[in-house]
N, C-alpha and C. Protein backbone atom coordinates (compact mmCIF):
# COMPACT_ATOMS: atom_id res chain seq x y z
N MET A 1 -71.75 -172.05 -105.89
CA MET A 1 -70.37 -172.39 -105.75
C MET A 1 -70.17 -173.14 -104.45
N CYS A 2 -69.65 -174.32 -104.56
CA CYS A 2 -69.37 -175.12 -103.38
C CYS A 2 -68.22 -176.05 -103.73
N TYR A 3 -67.22 -176.06 -102.89
CA TYR A 3 -66.14 -177.00 -103.12
C TYR A 3 -65.58 -177.47 -101.78
N GLU A 4 -64.88 -178.57 -101.82
CA GLU A 4 -64.35 -179.17 -100.61
C GLU A 4 -62.85 -178.95 -100.49
N LEU A 5 -62.43 -178.77 -99.27
CA LEU A 5 -61.01 -178.69 -98.95
C LEU A 5 -60.72 -179.67 -97.84
N LYS A 6 -59.53 -180.17 -97.79
CA LYS A 6 -59.11 -181.00 -96.67
C LYS A 6 -58.55 -180.08 -95.60
N THR A 7 -58.98 -180.28 -94.36
CA THR A 7 -58.47 -179.46 -93.26
C THR A 7 -57.13 -180.00 -92.81
N MET A 8 -56.45 -179.22 -92.01
CA MET A 8 -55.13 -179.64 -91.53
C MET A 8 -55.20 -180.90 -90.67
N ASN A 9 -56.36 -181.14 -90.03
CA ASN A 9 -56.49 -182.32 -89.19
C ASN A 9 -57.06 -183.52 -89.94
N GLY A 10 -57.20 -183.41 -91.26
CA GLY A 10 -57.64 -184.54 -92.07
C GLY A 10 -59.13 -184.58 -92.34
N GLY A 11 -59.89 -183.63 -91.81
CA GLY A 11 -61.32 -183.58 -92.06
C GLY A 11 -61.62 -182.92 -93.39
N THR A 12 -62.89 -182.76 -93.66
CA THR A 12 -63.33 -182.11 -94.90
C THR A 12 -64.05 -180.82 -94.57
N GLU A 13 -63.68 -179.77 -95.25
CA GLU A 13 -64.32 -178.47 -95.11
C GLU A 13 -65.08 -178.19 -96.41
N ALA A 14 -66.34 -177.83 -96.29
CA ALA A 14 -67.12 -177.46 -97.47
C ALA A 14 -67.18 -175.94 -97.53
N VAL A 15 -66.60 -175.38 -98.55
CA VAL A 15 -66.62 -173.93 -98.74
C VAL A 15 -67.92 -173.58 -99.47
N ILE A 16 -68.76 -172.81 -98.80
CA ILE A 16 -70.05 -172.44 -99.36
C ILE A 16 -69.90 -171.23 -100.28
N ASP A 17 -69.15 -170.24 -99.83
CA ASP A 17 -68.87 -169.05 -100.65
C ASP A 17 -67.58 -168.43 -100.15
N ASP A 18 -66.60 -168.33 -101.01
CA ASP A 18 -65.29 -167.81 -100.59
C ASP A 18 -65.14 -166.31 -100.83
N ASN A 19 -66.20 -165.67 -101.29
CA ASN A 19 -66.13 -164.24 -101.56
C ASN A 19 -67.46 -163.58 -101.17
N CYS A 20 -67.70 -163.50 -99.86
CA CYS A 20 -68.96 -162.92 -99.41
C CYS A 20 -68.76 -162.20 -98.09
N GLY A 21 -69.78 -161.49 -97.68
CA GLY A 21 -69.73 -160.76 -96.42
C GLY A 21 -70.50 -161.46 -95.32
N VAL A 22 -70.52 -160.82 -94.18
CA VAL A 22 -71.16 -161.38 -93.00
C VAL A 22 -72.67 -161.50 -93.19
N ILE A 23 -73.27 -160.68 -94.02
CA ILE A 23 -74.71 -160.77 -94.27
C ILE A 23 -75.07 -162.13 -94.86
N LYS A 24 -74.24 -162.63 -95.75
CA LYS A 24 -74.49 -163.95 -96.34
C LYS A 24 -74.33 -165.04 -95.29
N PHE A 25 -73.38 -164.88 -94.37
CA PHE A 25 -73.23 -165.84 -93.27
C PHE A 25 -74.53 -165.94 -92.49
N TYR A 26 -75.11 -164.79 -92.14
CA TYR A 26 -76.36 -164.79 -91.39
C TYR A 26 -77.50 -165.39 -92.20
N ALA A 27 -77.53 -165.17 -93.50
CA ALA A 27 -78.55 -165.77 -94.36
C ALA A 27 -78.42 -167.30 -94.37
N ILE A 28 -77.19 -167.78 -94.43
CA ILE A 28 -76.95 -169.23 -94.42
C ILE A 28 -77.37 -169.81 -93.06
N ALA A 29 -77.01 -169.14 -91.98
CA ALA A 29 -77.39 -169.60 -90.64
C ALA A 29 -78.92 -169.65 -90.51
N LYS A 30 -79.59 -168.64 -91.04
CA LYS A 30 -81.06 -168.60 -90.98
C LYS A 30 -81.65 -169.73 -91.81
N THR A 31 -81.10 -170.02 -92.95
CA THR A 31 -81.57 -171.12 -93.79
C THR A 31 -81.43 -172.45 -93.06
N LEU A 32 -80.28 -172.67 -92.43
CA LEU A 32 -80.08 -173.90 -91.68
C LEU A 32 -81.08 -174.01 -90.53
N ALA A 33 -81.31 -172.92 -89.83
CA ALA A 33 -82.23 -172.93 -88.69
C ALA A 33 -83.68 -173.12 -89.15
N ASP A 34 -84.08 -172.39 -90.18
CA ASP A 34 -85.48 -172.43 -90.62
C ASP A 34 -85.83 -173.71 -91.39
N ASP A 35 -84.98 -174.08 -92.33
CA ASP A 35 -85.31 -175.20 -93.21
C ASP A 35 -84.93 -176.57 -92.65
N LEU A 36 -83.86 -176.63 -91.86
CA LEU A 36 -83.39 -177.91 -91.33
C LEU A 36 -83.53 -178.01 -89.81
N GLN A 37 -84.12 -177.00 -89.19
CA GLN A 37 -84.32 -176.95 -87.75
C GLN A 37 -83.02 -177.14 -86.97
N VAL A 38 -81.94 -176.61 -87.50
CA VAL A 38 -80.65 -176.64 -86.82
C VAL A 38 -80.69 -175.63 -85.67
N THR A 39 -80.18 -176.04 -84.54
CA THR A 39 -80.04 -175.15 -83.39
C THR A 39 -78.55 -174.92 -83.16
N PHE A 40 -78.16 -173.68 -83.09
CA PHE A 40 -76.75 -173.37 -82.85
C PHE A 40 -76.47 -173.44 -81.36
N LEU A 41 -75.50 -174.27 -81.01
CA LEU A 41 -75.19 -174.57 -79.61
C LEU A 41 -74.24 -173.57 -78.99
N ASN A 42 -73.32 -173.09 -79.77
CA ASN A 42 -72.28 -172.20 -79.28
C ASN A 42 -71.95 -171.22 -80.40
N GLN A 43 -71.93 -169.95 -80.07
CA GLN A 43 -71.63 -168.93 -81.07
C GLN A 43 -70.46 -168.09 -80.59
N VAL A 44 -69.37 -168.16 -81.34
CA VAL A 44 -68.20 -167.35 -81.03
C VAL A 44 -68.07 -166.30 -82.12
N ASP A 45 -68.25 -165.05 -81.75
CA ASP A 45 -68.19 -163.94 -82.70
C ASP A 45 -66.98 -163.07 -82.35
N GLU A 46 -66.03 -163.07 -83.26
CA GLU A 46 -64.84 -162.23 -83.10
C GLU A 46 -64.80 -161.21 -84.22
N SER A 47 -63.83 -160.36 -84.23
CA SER A 47 -63.82 -159.26 -85.19
C SER A 47 -63.78 -159.72 -86.65
N GLN A 48 -63.01 -160.76 -86.96
CA GLN A 48 -62.91 -161.23 -88.35
C GLN A 48 -63.41 -162.65 -88.55
N ASP A 49 -63.82 -163.31 -87.49
CA ASP A 49 -64.28 -164.69 -87.56
C ASP A 49 -65.56 -164.89 -86.78
N LEU A 50 -66.43 -165.75 -87.33
CA LEU A 50 -67.61 -166.21 -86.62
C LEU A 50 -67.58 -167.73 -86.68
N ASP A 51 -67.77 -168.38 -85.56
CA ASP A 51 -67.83 -169.84 -85.50
C ASP A 51 -69.07 -170.24 -84.71
N TRP A 52 -70.03 -170.85 -85.39
CA TRP A 52 -71.27 -171.27 -84.76
C TRP A 52 -71.37 -172.79 -84.84
N ASP A 53 -71.36 -173.44 -83.70
CA ASP A 53 -71.41 -174.90 -83.63
C ASP A 53 -72.86 -175.37 -83.67
N PHE A 54 -73.07 -176.52 -84.31
CA PHE A 54 -74.40 -177.12 -84.37
C PHE A 54 -74.27 -178.62 -84.61
N VAL A 55 -75.39 -179.32 -84.42
CA VAL A 55 -75.45 -180.76 -84.67
C VAL A 55 -76.43 -180.97 -85.82
N TYR A 56 -76.01 -181.79 -86.78
CA TYR A 56 -76.88 -182.17 -87.88
C TYR A 56 -76.65 -183.65 -88.15
N LYS A 57 -77.71 -184.44 -88.08
CA LYS A 57 -77.64 -185.89 -88.27
C LYS A 57 -76.56 -186.51 -87.39
N GLN A 58 -76.56 -186.12 -86.14
CA GLN A 58 -75.67 -186.63 -85.10
C GLN A 58 -74.19 -186.31 -85.35
N GLN A 59 -73.91 -185.31 -86.17
CA GLN A 59 -72.54 -184.89 -86.42
C GLN A 59 -72.35 -183.47 -85.90
N PHE A 60 -71.31 -183.25 -85.13
CA PHE A 60 -71.00 -181.92 -84.61
C PHE A 60 -70.21 -181.16 -85.67
N LEU A 61 -70.76 -180.03 -86.10
CA LEU A 61 -70.18 -179.24 -87.18
C LEU A 61 -70.11 -177.78 -86.75
N THR A 62 -69.36 -177.00 -87.52
CA THR A 62 -69.24 -175.57 -87.27
C THR A 62 -69.49 -174.81 -88.56
N LEU A 63 -70.39 -173.85 -88.48
CA LEU A 63 -70.57 -172.89 -89.57
C LEU A 63 -69.56 -171.79 -89.32
N HIS A 64 -68.64 -171.61 -90.24
CA HIS A 64 -67.50 -170.72 -90.04
C HIS A 64 -67.54 -169.57 -91.04
N PHE A 65 -67.24 -168.38 -90.57
CA PHE A 65 -67.09 -167.22 -91.44
C PHE A 65 -65.77 -166.54 -91.12
N ASN A 66 -65.06 -166.16 -92.17
CA ASN A 66 -63.85 -165.37 -92.04
C ASN A 66 -63.92 -164.24 -93.07
N THR A 67 -63.54 -163.06 -92.65
CA THR A 67 -63.60 -161.89 -93.52
C THR A 67 -62.88 -162.13 -94.85
N PHE A 68 -61.79 -162.86 -94.82
CA PHE A 68 -60.97 -163.06 -96.02
C PHE A 68 -61.30 -164.34 -96.77
N ASN A 69 -61.89 -165.34 -96.08
CA ASN A 69 -62.11 -166.65 -96.71
C ASN A 69 -63.57 -167.00 -96.94
N GLY A 70 -64.50 -166.18 -96.46
CA GLY A 70 -65.91 -166.45 -96.69
C GLY A 70 -66.52 -167.42 -95.70
N VAL A 71 -67.54 -168.18 -96.18
CA VAL A 71 -68.33 -169.08 -95.33
C VAL A 71 -68.03 -170.53 -95.67
N SER A 72 -67.88 -171.34 -94.63
CA SER A 72 -67.67 -172.77 -94.83
C SER A 72 -68.29 -173.55 -93.68
N ILE A 73 -68.42 -174.85 -93.90
CA ILE A 73 -68.85 -175.77 -92.86
C ILE A 73 -67.68 -176.70 -92.59
N VAL A 74 -67.28 -176.77 -91.34
CA VAL A 74 -66.13 -177.58 -90.97
C VAL A 74 -66.53 -178.57 -89.88
N PRO A 75 -65.84 -179.70 -89.81
CA PRO A 75 -66.12 -180.66 -88.75
C PRO A 75 -65.66 -180.13 -87.41
N HIS A 76 -66.42 -180.41 -86.39
CA HIS A 76 -66.05 -180.00 -85.04
C HIS A 76 -65.05 -180.97 -84.43
N GLN A 77 -65.17 -182.23 -84.78
CA GLN A 77 -64.26 -183.27 -84.27
C GLN A 77 -62.96 -183.27 -85.06
N LEU A 78 -61.94 -183.78 -84.45
CA LEU A 78 -60.64 -183.82 -85.12
C LEU A 78 -60.45 -185.04 -86.01
N LYS A 79 -61.25 -186.06 -85.80
CA LYS A 79 -61.09 -187.28 -86.60
C LYS A 79 -61.92 -187.22 -87.87
N LYS A 80 -61.37 -187.78 -88.92
CA LYS A 80 -62.06 -187.84 -90.20
C LYS A 80 -62.95 -189.08 -90.20
N LYS A 81 -64.25 -188.89 -90.49
CA LYS A 81 -65.18 -190.00 -90.56
C LYS A 81 -65.96 -189.90 -91.86
N ASN A 82 -66.24 -191.06 -92.46
CA ASN A 82 -66.99 -191.06 -93.71
C ASN A 82 -68.38 -190.45 -93.54
N LYS A 83 -69.05 -190.74 -92.42
CA LYS A 83 -70.38 -190.19 -92.18
C LYS A 83 -70.32 -188.67 -92.08
N GLU A 84 -69.29 -188.17 -91.42
CA GLU A 84 -69.10 -186.72 -91.28
C GLU A 84 -68.94 -186.07 -92.65
N ILE A 85 -68.13 -186.66 -93.49
CA ILE A 85 -67.91 -186.12 -94.84
C ILE A 85 -69.21 -186.12 -95.63
N LYS A 86 -69.98 -187.20 -95.52
CA LYS A 86 -71.25 -187.30 -96.23
C LYS A 86 -72.21 -186.20 -95.78
N VAL A 87 -72.29 -185.96 -94.48
CA VAL A 87 -73.19 -184.94 -93.94
C VAL A 87 -72.75 -183.55 -94.38
N ILE A 88 -71.46 -183.28 -94.35
CA ILE A 88 -70.95 -181.97 -94.79
C ILE A 88 -71.28 -181.75 -96.27
N ARG A 89 -71.09 -182.77 -97.08
CA ARG A 89 -71.43 -182.65 -98.51
C ARG A 89 -72.92 -182.40 -98.70
N GLU A 90 -73.72 -183.13 -97.95
CA GLU A 90 -75.18 -182.97 -98.05
C GLU A 90 -75.60 -181.54 -97.71
N LEU A 91 -75.08 -181.00 -96.63
CA LEU A 91 -75.39 -179.63 -96.24
C LEU A 91 -74.93 -178.63 -97.29
N ALA A 92 -73.73 -178.83 -97.80
CA ALA A 92 -73.18 -177.91 -98.79
C ALA A 92 -74.05 -177.88 -100.05
N HIS A 93 -74.47 -179.05 -100.51
CA HIS A 93 -75.30 -179.09 -101.72
C HIS A 93 -76.69 -178.53 -101.46
N PHE A 94 -77.23 -178.76 -100.27
CA PHE A 94 -78.51 -178.17 -99.90
C PHE A 94 -78.42 -176.64 -99.93
N LEU A 95 -77.38 -176.10 -99.32
CA LEU A 95 -77.21 -174.65 -99.27
C LEU A 95 -76.94 -174.07 -100.65
N GLU A 96 -76.21 -174.81 -101.45
CA GLU A 96 -75.91 -174.35 -102.81
C GLU A 96 -77.21 -174.10 -103.60
N LYS A 97 -78.19 -174.95 -103.40
CA LYS A 97 -79.48 -174.82 -104.09
C LYS A 97 -80.33 -173.70 -103.50
N ARG A 98 -80.22 -173.47 -102.19
CA ARG A 98 -81.07 -172.51 -101.50
C ARG A 98 -80.56 -171.08 -101.53
N ILE A 99 -79.27 -170.90 -101.45
CA ILE A 99 -78.69 -169.57 -101.25
C ILE A 99 -78.47 -168.82 -102.55
N TYR A 100 -78.21 -169.49 -103.63
CA TYR A 100 -77.87 -168.80 -104.87
C TYR A 100 -79.07 -168.51 -105.71
């Protein structure tokens, strides 16, 4: 399951799983790190939200988890760019094949 949403700032958010727990978030993070050599630059862990920033193909992105909304990949920048959207879609489809 993967679908796209438009963010309030005009970017694209790829929802990886909208009904999962924090264990799946960690599995997705591990997949990104192991299979794509993603390094997480900043990790903000709060009680109901996790936001882990990373760079993939020169795009700054955030792996986001919320207790109520599940796991998604969101753009770190506020501007909408075609390359950013393409990279987010690529990651979402990669994870869709690996995680399920």
